[in-house]
N, C-alpha and C. Protein backbone atom coordinates (compact mmCIF):
# COMPACT_ATOMS: atom_id res chain seq x y z
N MET A 1 109.68 81.77 104.30
CA MET A 1 109.62 82.30 102.93
C MET A 1 109.41 81.13 101.96
N ASP A 2 108.40 81.24 101.08
CA ASP A 2 108.13 80.15 100.16
C ASP A 2 109.12 80.16 99.00
N THR A 3 109.03 79.11 98.14
CA THR A 3 109.99 78.95 97.05
C THR A 3 109.95 80.11 96.07
N ALA A 4 108.75 80.56 95.70
CA ALA A 4 108.63 81.66 94.74
C ALA A 4 109.27 82.93 95.28
N ALA A 5 109.07 83.20 96.57
CA ALA A 5 109.65 84.40 97.18
C ALA A 5 111.18 84.31 97.21
N ARG A 6 111.70 83.12 97.50
CA ARG A 6 113.16 82.95 97.53
C ARG A 6 113.75 83.13 96.13
N ARG A 7 113.06 82.62 95.13
CA ARG A 7 113.53 82.79 93.76
C ARG A 7 113.55 84.26 93.36
N GLU A 8 112.50 84.99 93.73
CA GLU A 8 112.44 86.41 93.41
C GLU A 8 113.53 87.19 94.15
N GLN A 9 113.77 86.81 95.40
CA GLN A 9 114.82 87.47 96.18
C GLN A 9 116.19 87.23 95.55
N LEU A 10 116.43 85.99 95.11
CA LEU A 10 117.71 85.68 94.47
C LEU A 10 117.84 86.44 93.15
N LYS A 11 116.76 86.52 92.40
CA LYS A 11 116.79 87.23 91.12
C LYS A 11 117.14 88.70 91.33
N GLU A 12 116.52 89.32 92.31
CA GLU A 12 116.82 90.73 92.59
C GLU A 12 118.26 90.91 93.03
N ALA A 13 118.76 89.99 93.84
CA ALA A 13 120.15 90.08 94.29
C ALA A 13 121.11 89.94 93.12
N LEU A 14 120.80 89.05 92.19
CA LEU A 14 121.65 88.87 91.01
C LEU A 14 121.62 90.09 90.10
N VAL A 15 120.44 90.67 89.91
CA VAL A 15 120.34 91.88 89.08
C VAL A 15 121.14 93.01 89.70
N ASP A 16 121.01 93.19 91.00
CA ASP A 16 121.76 94.25 91.68
C ASP A 16 123.26 94.01 91.58
N ALA A 17 123.67 92.75 91.75
CA ALA A 17 125.10 92.42 91.64
C ALA A 17 125.60 92.65 90.21
N ALA A 18 124.78 92.30 89.22
CA ALA A 18 125.17 92.52 87.83
C ALA A 18 125.31 94.00 87.54
N LEU A 19 124.38 94.80 88.06
CA LEU A 19 124.44 96.25 87.83
C LEU A 19 125.69 96.84 88.47
N ARG A 20 126.01 96.42 89.68
CA ARG A 20 127.22 96.93 90.35
C ARG A 20 128.48 96.52 89.58
N THR A 21 128.47 95.31 89.06
CA THR A 21 129.63 94.84 88.29
C THR A 21 129.80 95.64 87.01
N ILE A 22 128.70 95.88 86.31
CA ILE A 22 128.76 96.67 85.08
C ILE A 22 129.26 98.08 85.39
N ALA A 23 128.76 98.68 86.47
CA ALA A 23 129.17 100.04 86.84
C ALA A 23 130.66 100.10 87.17
N ALA A 24 131.19 99.03 87.75
CA ALA A 24 132.60 99.03 88.15
C ALA A 24 133.53 98.58 87.05
N ASP A 25 133.13 97.54 86.30
CA ASP A 25 134.05 96.89 85.37
C ASP A 25 133.55 96.83 83.94
N GLY A 26 132.34 97.28 83.67
CA GLY A 26 131.78 97.17 82.33
C GLY A 26 131.25 95.77 82.06
N LEU A 27 130.69 95.59 80.87
CA LEU A 27 130.12 94.29 80.51
C LEU A 27 131.15 93.17 80.54
N GLY A 28 132.39 93.49 80.21
CA GLY A 28 133.43 92.48 80.18
C GLY A 28 133.71 91.85 81.52
N GLY A 29 133.34 92.52 82.60
CA GLY A 29 133.59 91.99 83.93
C GLY A 29 132.49 91.10 84.45
N LEU A 30 131.45 90.90 83.65
CA LEU A 30 130.28 90.14 84.10
C LEU A 30 130.49 88.65 83.84
N LYS A 31 130.71 87.88 84.91
CA LYS A 31 130.93 86.44 84.81
C LYS A 31 129.99 85.72 85.77
N ALA A 32 129.45 84.60 85.33
CA ALA A 32 128.48 83.87 86.14
C ALA A 32 129.07 83.44 87.47
N ARG A 33 130.27 82.90 87.46
CA ARG A 33 130.88 82.43 88.71
C ARG A 33 131.07 83.56 89.71
N ALA A 34 131.55 84.70 89.24
CA ALA A 34 131.76 85.84 90.14
C ALA A 34 130.43 86.35 90.70
N LEU A 35 129.39 86.39 89.88
CA LEU A 35 128.08 86.82 90.36
C LEU A 35 127.56 85.87 91.42
N ALA A 36 127.70 84.57 91.18
CA ALA A 36 127.25 83.58 92.15
C ALA A 36 127.96 83.77 93.49
N ASP A 37 129.27 84.02 93.42
CA ASP A 37 130.03 84.24 94.65
C ASP A 37 129.54 85.48 95.39
N LYS A 38 129.21 86.53 94.64
CA LYS A 38 128.78 87.78 95.27
C LYS A 38 127.46 87.63 96.02
N VAL A 39 126.57 86.83 95.49
CA VAL A 39 125.25 86.70 96.14
C VAL A 39 125.16 85.45 97.00
N GLY A 40 126.21 84.62 96.99
CA GLY A 40 126.23 83.43 97.83
C GLY A 40 125.34 82.30 97.35
N CYS A 41 125.37 82.03 96.04
CA CYS A 41 124.58 80.92 95.51
C CYS A 41 125.45 80.09 94.58
N ALA A 42 124.96 78.92 94.19
CA ALA A 42 125.66 78.09 93.22
C ALA A 42 125.46 78.69 91.83
N VAL A 43 126.42 78.43 90.93
CA VAL A 43 126.30 78.95 89.57
C VAL A 43 125.02 78.46 88.92
N GLY A 44 124.68 77.20 89.13
CA GLY A 44 123.48 76.65 88.53
C GLY A 44 122.21 77.33 88.99
N ALA A 45 122.24 77.90 90.20
CA ALA A 45 121.04 78.56 90.73
C ALA A 45 120.69 79.80 89.92
N ILE A 46 121.68 80.40 89.27
CA ILE A 46 121.41 81.59 88.44
C ILE A 46 120.39 81.25 87.36
N TYR A 47 120.56 80.08 86.76
CA TYR A 47 119.71 79.70 85.63
C TYR A 47 118.37 79.11 86.06
N ASN A 48 118.15 79.09 87.37
CA ASN A 48 116.81 78.77 87.88
C ASN A 48 115.92 80.00 87.95
N VAL A 49 116.55 81.18 87.90
CA VAL A 49 115.76 82.42 88.04
C VAL A 49 115.82 83.30 86.80
N VAL A 50 116.83 83.11 85.94
CA VAL A 50 116.88 83.80 84.65
C VAL A 50 117.24 82.78 83.59
N GLU A 51 116.86 83.06 82.35
CA GLU A 51 117.12 82.11 81.27
C GLU A 51 118.61 81.99 80.98
N ASP A 52 119.31 83.14 80.96
CA ASP A 52 120.73 83.15 80.65
C ASP A 52 121.30 84.50 81.06
N LEU A 53 122.59 84.71 80.80
CA LEU A 53 123.21 85.99 81.16
C LEU A 53 122.65 87.13 80.34
N ASP A 54 122.19 86.86 79.12
CA ASP A 54 121.56 87.91 78.32
C ASP A 54 120.38 88.52 79.06
N GLU A 55 119.52 87.68 79.60
CA GLU A 55 118.36 88.19 80.34
C GLU A 55 118.81 88.97 81.56
N LEU A 56 119.82 88.48 82.25
CA LEU A 56 120.31 89.18 83.44
C LEU A 56 120.86 90.55 83.08
N ILE A 57 121.57 90.64 81.97
CA ILE A 57 122.11 91.93 81.53
C ILE A 57 120.97 92.88 81.18
N LEU A 58 119.95 92.40 80.48
CA LEU A 58 118.81 93.26 80.15
C LEU A 58 118.09 93.74 81.40
N LEU A 59 117.97 92.87 82.39
CA LEU A 59 117.34 93.29 83.65
C LEU A 59 118.18 94.35 84.35
N ALA A 60 119.50 94.19 84.31
CA ALA A 60 120.38 95.22 84.89
C ALA A 60 120.28 96.51 84.09
N ASN A 61 120.22 96.39 82.76
CA ASN A 61 120.08 97.59 81.93
C ASN A 61 118.77 98.31 82.20
N THR A 62 117.73 97.55 82.53
CA THR A 62 116.46 98.17 82.89
C THR A 62 116.63 99.08 84.11
N LYS A 63 117.42 98.64 85.06
CA LYS A 63 117.72 99.49 86.23
C LYS A 63 118.43 100.77 85.79
N THR A 64 119.33 100.64 84.82
CA THR A 64 120.02 101.81 84.29
C THR A 64 119.05 102.74 83.60
N LEU A 65 118.12 102.18 82.82
CA LEU A 65 117.10 103.00 82.15
C LEU A 65 116.24 103.73 83.18
N GLU A 66 115.95 103.08 84.30
CA GLU A 66 115.17 103.74 85.35
C GLU A 66 115.95 104.91 85.93
N GLN A 67 117.26 104.73 86.12
CA GLN A 67 118.08 105.82 86.62
C GLN A 67 118.11 106.98 85.62
N LEU A 68 118.24 106.63 84.34
CA LEU A 68 118.25 107.66 83.30
C LEU A 68 116.91 108.38 83.25
N GLU A 69 115.83 107.64 83.39
CA GLU A 69 114.51 108.28 83.36
C GLU A 69 114.35 109.26 84.51
N THR A 70 114.87 108.93 85.67
CA THR A 70 114.81 109.86 86.80
C THR A 70 115.52 111.17 86.46
N ILE A 71 116.69 111.07 85.82
CA ILE A 71 117.44 112.26 85.43
C ILE A 71 116.67 113.06 84.39
N LEU A 72 116.11 112.38 83.40
CA LEU A 72 115.35 113.07 82.35
C LEU A 72 114.11 113.75 82.93
N SER A 73 113.43 113.08 83.85
CA SER A 73 112.22 113.66 84.43
C SER A 73 112.51 114.94 85.19
N MET A 74 113.71 115.03 85.76
CA MET A 74 114.09 116.24 86.49
C MET A 74 114.35 117.41 85.54
N ALA A 75 114.60 117.10 84.25
CA ALA A 75 114.84 118.17 83.27
C ALA A 75 113.54 118.73 82.71
N ILE A 76 112.43 118.06 82.96
CA ILE A 76 111.15 118.48 82.40
C ILE A 76 110.62 119.71 83.12
N GLN A 77 110.21 120.70 82.35
CA GLN A 77 109.58 121.91 82.87
C GLN A 77 108.25 122.12 82.16
N PRO A 78 107.25 122.62 82.85
CA PRO A 78 105.96 122.87 82.17
C PRO A 78 106.09 123.99 81.14
N GLY A 79 105.29 123.90 80.11
CA GLY A 79 105.31 124.94 79.09
C GLY A 79 104.76 124.44 77.78
N GLU A 80 104.79 125.31 76.79
CA GLU A 80 104.36 124.97 75.45
C GLU A 80 104.94 125.97 74.48
N GLY A 81 104.80 125.70 73.20
CA GLY A 81 105.30 126.61 72.17
C GLY A 81 106.69 126.24 71.71
N THR A 82 107.13 126.93 70.65
CA THR A 82 108.40 126.61 70.01
C THR A 82 109.59 126.83 70.93
N ASP A 83 109.65 128.00 71.57
CA ASP A 83 110.80 128.28 72.42
C ASP A 83 110.91 127.28 73.55
N TRP A 84 109.76 126.97 74.18
CA TRP A 84 109.78 125.98 75.25
C TRP A 84 110.26 124.63 74.73
N ALA A 85 109.76 124.23 73.57
CA ALA A 85 110.11 122.92 73.02
C ALA A 85 111.61 122.82 72.74
N VAL A 86 112.19 123.87 72.15
CA VAL A 86 113.62 123.84 71.87
C VAL A 86 114.41 123.82 73.18
N GLU A 87 114.02 124.64 74.14
CA GLU A 87 114.70 124.65 75.44
C GLU A 87 114.59 123.29 76.11
N GLN A 88 113.42 122.65 75.97
CA GLN A 88 113.22 121.35 76.59
C GLN A 88 114.09 120.28 75.95
N LEU A 89 114.21 120.32 74.63
CA LEU A 89 115.08 119.38 73.94
C LEU A 89 116.54 119.56 74.36
N VAL A 90 116.95 120.81 74.50
CA VAL A 90 118.32 121.08 74.96
C VAL A 90 118.53 120.56 76.37
N ALA A 91 117.56 120.81 77.25
CA ALA A 91 117.67 120.35 78.64
C ALA A 91 117.75 118.82 78.71
N LEU A 92 116.93 118.14 77.91
CA LEU A 92 116.96 116.68 77.89
C LEU A 92 118.29 116.17 77.35
N ALA A 93 118.80 116.81 76.31
CA ALA A 93 120.08 116.39 75.73
C ALA A 93 121.22 116.57 76.73
N LEU A 94 121.22 117.67 77.45
CA LEU A 94 122.28 117.89 78.45
C LEU A 94 122.14 116.92 79.62
N ALA A 95 120.91 116.60 79.99
CA ALA A 95 120.70 115.61 81.05
C ALA A 95 121.23 114.25 80.61
N TYR A 96 121.00 113.92 79.35
CA TYR A 96 121.52 112.66 78.81
C TYR A 96 123.04 112.66 78.82
N LEU A 97 123.65 113.76 78.40
CA LEU A 97 125.11 113.88 78.43
C LEU A 97 125.64 113.73 79.85
N ASP A 98 124.99 114.39 80.80
CA ASP A 98 125.44 114.31 82.19
C ASP A 98 125.36 112.88 82.72
N PHE A 99 124.28 112.19 82.37
CA PHE A 99 124.14 110.80 82.82
C PHE A 99 125.23 109.92 82.21
N ALA A 100 125.44 110.06 80.92
CA ALA A 100 126.46 109.25 80.25
C ALA A 100 127.84 109.52 80.83
N THR A 101 128.11 110.77 81.16
CA THR A 101 129.41 111.13 81.73
C THR A 101 129.59 110.53 83.12
N ALA A 102 128.54 110.58 83.93
CA ALA A 102 128.63 110.12 85.32
C ALA A 102 128.55 108.60 85.44
N HIS A 103 127.90 107.93 84.49
CA HIS A 103 127.69 106.48 84.58
C HIS A 103 128.13 105.84 83.26
N ARG A 104 129.36 106.07 82.90
CA ARG A 104 129.79 105.74 81.55
C ARG A 104 129.69 104.25 81.25
N ARG A 105 130.09 103.38 82.17
CA ARG A 105 130.05 101.94 81.87
C ARG A 105 128.62 101.44 81.78
N GLN A 106 127.75 101.91 82.65
CA GLN A 106 126.33 101.52 82.56
C GLN A 106 125.72 102.03 81.25
N TRP A 107 126.04 103.26 80.90
CA TRP A 107 125.53 103.86 79.66
C TRP A 107 126.00 103.06 78.46
N ARG A 108 127.27 102.68 78.43
CA ARG A 108 127.78 101.91 77.30
C ARG A 108 127.13 100.54 77.22
N ALA A 109 126.81 99.96 78.36
CA ALA A 109 126.18 98.63 78.37
C ALA A 109 124.82 98.65 77.70
N LEU A 110 124.15 99.79 77.71
CA LEU A 110 122.85 99.90 77.05
C LEU A 110 122.97 99.66 75.55
N PHE A 111 124.13 99.96 74.99
CA PHE A 111 124.33 99.90 73.54
C PHE A 111 125.28 98.78 73.12
N ASP A 112 126.19 98.41 74.01
CA ASP A 112 127.20 97.41 73.65
C ASP A 112 126.65 95.99 73.70
N HIS A 113 125.65 95.75 74.54
CA HIS A 113 125.14 94.39 74.66
C HIS A 113 124.27 94.02 73.47
N ARG A 114 124.51 92.85 72.92
CA ARG A 114 123.72 92.33 71.81
C ARG A 114 123.19 90.95 72.18
N THR A 115 121.94 90.68 71.83
CA THR A 115 121.35 89.38 72.14
C THR A 115 121.46 88.40 70.98
N GLY A 116 122.25 88.74 69.97
CA GLY A 116 122.42 87.85 68.83
C GLY A 116 121.15 87.75 68.02
N GLU A 117 120.75 86.54 67.72
CA GLU A 117 119.55 86.34 66.91
C GLU A 117 118.27 86.36 67.74
N LYS A 118 118.41 86.37 69.04
CA LYS A 118 117.21 86.40 69.89
C LYS A 118 116.57 87.78 69.83
N PRO A 119 115.25 87.85 69.70
CA PRO A 119 114.59 89.16 69.70
C PRO A 119 114.68 89.83 71.07
N VAL A 120 114.70 91.15 71.05
CA VAL A 120 114.67 91.89 72.32
C VAL A 120 113.29 91.72 72.94
N PRO A 121 113.21 91.37 74.22
CA PRO A 121 111.90 91.13 74.84
C PRO A 121 111.01 92.37 74.80
N ASP A 122 109.70 92.13 74.73
CA ASP A 122 108.75 93.24 74.70
C ASP A 122 108.86 94.11 75.94
N TRP A 123 109.09 93.50 77.11
CA TRP A 123 109.17 94.29 78.34
C TRP A 123 110.34 95.26 78.31
N TYR A 124 111.43 94.87 77.63
CA TYR A 124 112.59 95.76 77.53
C TYR A 124 112.30 96.89 76.55
N ARG A 125 111.64 96.57 75.45
CA ARG A 125 111.28 97.62 74.49
C ARG A 125 110.33 98.63 75.13
N ARG A 126 109.42 98.17 75.97
CA ARG A 126 108.50 99.11 76.64
C ARG A 126 109.26 100.07 77.54
N ASP A 127 110.30 99.57 78.21
CA ASP A 127 111.12 100.46 79.05
C ASP A 127 111.82 101.51 78.20
N GLN A 128 112.27 101.11 77.00
CA GLN A 128 112.88 102.08 76.09
C GLN A 128 111.87 103.12 75.63
N GLU A 129 110.68 102.65 75.29
CA GLU A 129 109.65 103.54 74.77
C GLU A 129 109.31 104.65 75.76
N ARG A 130 109.32 104.34 77.03
CA ARG A 130 109.00 105.36 78.04
C ARG A 130 109.96 106.53 77.96
N LEU A 131 111.22 106.25 77.67
CA LEU A 131 112.20 107.33 77.60
C LEU A 131 112.04 108.15 76.33
N PHE A 132 111.72 107.51 75.22
CA PHE A 132 111.50 108.26 73.99
C PHE A 132 110.33 109.23 74.13
N ALA A 133 109.37 108.89 74.99
CA ALA A 133 108.20 109.75 75.17
C ALA A 133 108.60 111.14 75.67
N TYR A 134 109.71 111.23 76.41
CA TYR A 134 110.16 112.54 76.89
C TYR A 134 110.54 113.44 75.73
N VAL A 135 111.05 112.85 74.66
CA VAL A 135 111.46 113.62 73.49
C VAL A 135 110.26 113.93 72.60
N GLU A 136 109.31 113.03 72.57
CA GLU A 136 108.18 113.19 71.66
C GLU A 136 107.32 114.41 71.99
N ARG A 137 107.17 114.76 73.26
CA ARG A 137 106.29 115.88 73.59
C ARG A 137 106.80 117.19 73.02
N PRO A 138 108.07 117.58 73.23
CA PRO A 138 108.53 118.82 72.60
C PRO A 138 108.55 118.73 71.07
N VAL A 139 108.83 117.55 70.52
CA VAL A 139 108.78 117.40 69.07
C VAL A 139 107.37 117.67 68.56
N GLU A 140 106.37 117.23 69.31
CA GLU A 140 104.98 117.48 68.92
C GLU A 140 104.68 118.98 68.89
N GLN A 141 105.27 119.74 69.81
CA GLN A 141 105.08 121.19 69.80
C GLN A 141 105.72 121.82 68.56
N LEU A 142 106.83 121.25 68.11
CA LEU A 142 107.53 121.80 66.96
C LEU A 142 106.88 121.41 65.64
N ARG A 143 106.33 120.20 65.58
CA ARG A 143 105.71 119.71 64.35
C ARG A 143 104.33 119.12 64.68
N PRO A 144 103.37 119.96 65.06
CA PRO A 144 102.07 119.46 65.54
C PRO A 144 101.26 118.71 64.48
N LYS A 145 101.55 118.90 63.21
CA LYS A 145 100.75 118.25 62.16
C LYS A 145 101.27 116.87 61.78
N LEU A 146 102.38 116.47 62.36
CA LEU A 146 102.90 115.15 62.05
C LEU A 146 102.00 114.06 62.61
N ALA A 147 101.85 112.98 61.85
CA ALA A 147 101.14 111.81 62.36
C ALA A 147 101.96 111.20 63.51
N PRO A 148 101.29 110.53 64.44
CA PRO A 148 102.01 109.96 65.60
C PRO A 148 103.22 109.11 65.21
N ALA A 149 103.09 108.27 64.19
CA ALA A 149 104.22 107.41 63.79
C ALA A 149 105.39 108.25 63.28
N GLU A 150 105.10 109.32 62.55
CA GLU A 150 106.15 110.19 62.03
C GLU A 150 106.81 110.96 63.17
N ARG A 151 105.98 111.43 64.10
CA ARG A 151 106.53 112.15 65.26
C ARG A 151 107.43 111.24 66.08
N SER A 152 107.00 109.99 66.27
CA SER A 152 107.79 109.03 67.03
C SER A 152 109.15 108.79 66.36
N LEU A 153 109.14 108.65 65.04
CA LEU A 153 110.39 108.42 64.33
C LEU A 153 111.29 109.64 64.36
N LEU A 154 110.70 110.82 64.27
CA LEU A 154 111.49 112.05 64.33
C LEU A 154 112.14 112.21 65.71
N ALA A 155 111.41 111.84 66.76
CA ALA A 155 111.98 111.90 68.11
C ALA A 155 113.16 110.95 68.23
N ARG A 156 113.06 109.78 67.63
CA ARG A 156 114.17 108.83 67.68
C ARG A 156 115.36 109.31 66.86
N SER A 157 115.08 110.00 65.77
CA SER A 157 116.17 110.57 64.98
C SER A 157 116.88 111.66 65.77
N MET A 158 116.12 112.46 66.49
CA MET A 158 116.73 113.48 67.35
C MET A 158 117.61 112.81 68.41
N PHE A 159 117.08 111.75 69.03
CA PHE A 159 117.89 111.04 70.02
C PHE A 159 119.16 110.50 69.39
N SER A 160 119.05 109.92 68.19
CA SER A 160 120.21 109.34 67.53
C SER A 160 121.29 110.39 67.28
N ALA A 161 120.87 111.60 66.91
CA ALA A 161 121.82 112.68 66.68
C ALA A 161 122.54 113.05 67.97
N VAL A 162 121.77 113.17 69.05
CA VAL A 162 122.37 113.53 70.34
C VAL A 162 123.29 112.41 70.82
N HIS A 163 122.81 111.17 70.72
CA HIS A 163 123.62 110.05 71.18
C HIS A 163 124.94 109.97 70.41
N GLY A 164 124.87 110.17 69.09
CA GLY A 164 126.09 110.13 68.30
C GLY A 164 127.09 111.18 68.73
N LEU A 165 126.61 112.38 68.99
CA LEU A 165 127.49 113.46 69.42
C LEU A 165 128.10 113.15 70.79
N VAL A 166 127.26 112.66 71.70
CA VAL A 166 127.75 112.32 73.05
C VAL A 166 128.77 111.18 72.97
N ALA A 167 128.46 110.16 72.18
CA ALA A 167 129.36 109.02 72.07
C ALA A 167 130.72 109.43 71.49
N LEU A 168 130.70 110.21 70.43
CA LEU A 168 131.95 110.66 69.83
C LEU A 168 132.74 111.53 70.80
N GLY A 169 132.04 112.39 71.53
CA GLY A 169 132.72 113.29 72.46
C GLY A 169 133.31 112.57 73.66
N LEU A 170 132.55 111.62 74.22
CA LEU A 170 133.02 110.93 75.43
C LEU A 170 134.07 109.87 75.12
N GLU A 171 133.95 109.23 73.97
CA GLU A 171 134.87 108.14 73.68
C GLU A 171 136.05 108.59 72.83
N GLU A 172 136.08 109.88 72.50
CA GLU A 172 137.23 110.47 71.82
C GLU A 172 137.57 109.73 70.53
N LYS A 173 136.54 109.35 69.75
CA LYS A 173 136.81 108.60 68.53
C LYS A 173 137.31 109.49 67.40
N LEU A 174 136.97 110.75 67.44
CA LEU A 174 137.46 111.66 66.41
C LEU A 174 138.52 112.60 66.97
N GLN A 175 138.19 113.24 68.06
CA GLN A 175 139.15 114.13 68.70
C GLN A 175 138.70 114.36 70.13
N PHE A 176 139.65 114.79 70.96
CA PHE A 176 139.30 115.07 72.34
C PHE A 176 138.51 116.36 72.42
N LEU A 177 137.39 116.31 73.12
CA LEU A 177 136.59 117.51 73.36
C LEU A 177 136.52 117.76 74.86
N PRO A 178 137.02 118.89 75.33
CA PRO A 178 136.86 119.22 76.75
C PRO A 178 135.38 119.21 77.11
N PRO A 179 135.03 118.86 78.35
CA PRO A 179 133.62 118.75 78.74
C PRO A 179 132.78 119.97 78.39
N GLN A 180 133.28 121.16 78.62
CA GLN A 180 132.49 122.35 78.34
C GLN A 180 132.28 122.54 76.84
N THR A 181 133.29 122.18 76.05
CA THR A 181 133.14 122.26 74.60
C THR A 181 132.09 121.28 74.11
N LEU A 182 132.10 120.07 74.67
CA LEU A 182 131.11 119.06 74.28
C LEU A 182 129.70 119.53 74.64
N ARG A 183 129.54 120.11 75.82
CA ARG A 183 128.23 120.62 76.21
C ARG A 183 127.76 121.70 75.25
N GLN A 184 128.66 122.59 74.87
CA GLN A 184 128.28 123.66 73.97
C GLN A 184 127.91 123.13 72.59
N GLN A 185 128.61 122.09 72.15
CA GLN A 185 128.28 121.47 70.87
C GLN A 185 126.89 120.84 70.91
N VAL A 186 126.57 120.20 72.01
CA VAL A 186 125.24 119.61 72.17
C VAL A 186 124.17 120.70 72.11
N VAL A 187 124.39 121.79 72.84
CA VAL A 187 123.43 122.90 72.83
C VAL A 187 123.27 123.45 71.41
N THR A 188 124.39 123.67 70.72
CA THR A 188 124.34 124.25 69.38
C THR A 188 123.57 123.36 68.40
N ILE A 189 123.90 122.08 68.39
CA ILE A 189 123.28 121.15 67.43
C ILE A 189 121.80 120.97 67.73
N VAL A 190 121.45 120.76 68.99
CA VAL A 190 120.05 120.52 69.32
C VAL A 190 119.20 121.77 69.09
N THR A 191 119.75 122.94 69.40
CA THR A 191 119.02 124.18 69.14
C THR A 191 118.77 124.37 67.66
N ALA A 192 119.79 124.11 66.85
CA ALA A 192 119.63 124.25 65.39
C ALA A 192 118.60 123.26 64.85
N LEU A 193 118.66 122.03 65.31
CA LEU A 193 117.70 121.02 64.86
C LEU A 193 116.29 121.40 65.29
N GLY A 194 116.15 121.83 66.53
CA GLY A 194 114.82 122.18 67.03
C GLY A 194 114.18 123.30 66.25
N HIS A 195 114.91 124.37 66.01
CA HIS A 195 114.36 125.49 65.25
C HIS A 195 114.14 125.09 63.79
N GLY A 196 115.00 124.22 63.27
CA GLY A 196 114.79 123.73 61.91
C GLY A 196 113.51 122.92 61.80
N PHE A 197 113.24 122.07 62.79
CA PHE A 197 111.99 121.32 62.79
C PHE A 197 110.80 122.28 62.81
N ALA A 198 110.89 123.30 63.65
CA ALA A 198 109.77 124.23 63.80
C ALA A 198 109.48 124.97 62.50
N ARG A 199 110.53 125.28 61.73
CA ARG A 199 110.35 125.99 60.47
C ARG A 199 109.92 125.06 59.34
N GLY A 200 109.93 123.76 59.62
CA GLY A 200 109.61 122.81 58.56
C GLY A 200 110.75 122.64 57.59
N ALA A 201 111.97 122.92 58.05
CA ALA A 201 113.12 122.84 57.16
C ALA A 201 113.48 121.40 56.83
N TYR A 202 112.96 120.47 57.63
CA TYR A 202 113.24 119.07 57.40
C TYR A 202 111.93 118.37 57.07
N GLY A 203 111.97 117.50 56.09
CA GLY A 203 110.76 116.78 55.68
C GLY A 203 110.29 115.85 56.76
N ALA A 204 109.01 115.51 56.70
CA ALA A 204 108.45 114.57 57.66
C ALA A 204 109.13 113.22 57.51
N ALA A 205 109.35 112.58 58.65
CA ALA A 205 109.96 111.26 58.62
C ALA A 205 108.99 110.28 57.97
N ALA A 206 109.54 109.32 57.29
CA ALA A 206 108.69 108.32 56.61
C ALA A 206 108.09 107.37 57.62
N SER A 207 106.78 107.17 57.53
CA SER A 207 106.10 106.26 58.44
C SER A 207 106.61 104.85 58.22
N GLY A 208 106.70 104.12 59.33
CA GLY A 208 107.07 102.71 59.23
C GLY A 208 108.56 102.48 59.05
N GLY A 209 109.38 103.51 59.16
CA GLY A 209 110.83 103.35 59.00
C GLY A 209 111.42 102.70 60.22
N PRO A 210 112.72 102.38 60.14
CA PRO A 210 113.37 101.70 61.26
C PRO A 210 113.47 102.60 62.47
N SER A 211 113.37 102.00 63.64
CA SER A 211 113.47 102.73 64.89
C SER A 211 114.78 102.38 65.56
N PRO A 212 115.59 103.37 65.96
CA PRO A 212 116.88 103.06 66.57
C PRO A 212 116.70 102.38 67.91
N ASP A 213 117.47 101.35 68.17
CA ASP A 213 117.45 100.67 69.46
C ASP A 213 118.52 101.25 70.36
N TRP A 214 118.37 101.00 71.65
CA TRP A 214 119.40 101.39 72.60
C TRP A 214 120.60 100.52 72.37
């Protein structure tokens, strides 16, 4: 095995070890020395294959995004029209809730990790964009006259609403919500928003506005 292949093998092993650590202990459990011990390398060898722990966390989060995308893709059903679009948004929202519930530490790592002043890499943003595309298609059915940039922002606003509800429900920041109650709240809110979009009850999103990050 040549040097490049060994470096890639070590990088994959470190990403997998980081993902397992996050799933078991959260971001707080991620330490360079422990990761090195898990994969059988020196601590310094980590920084031969990734720039720093920030990059390693983003690579592990990418694996989480891939898992989430698999769950979202299973919620997709063929169709068109307003009723289909609203049902699709509800199905995607419930799939997101189910993923967050089942993989809570990985899900939290998507939002808890901050890179400080360093910009988020383009490759990571592209992974995020793929997931937003699942929301954009039903939104397009509800508001077909929106410009692409407005539709994209509206899809992100829909995601932000669902994420906020899921986060409050799972982390019990306001009050405890039994799982079935939380699911029903997600269905109620997303259904209302979807039909409101279809009726034009909400103004078009402003082009060029801020886009929510994971």
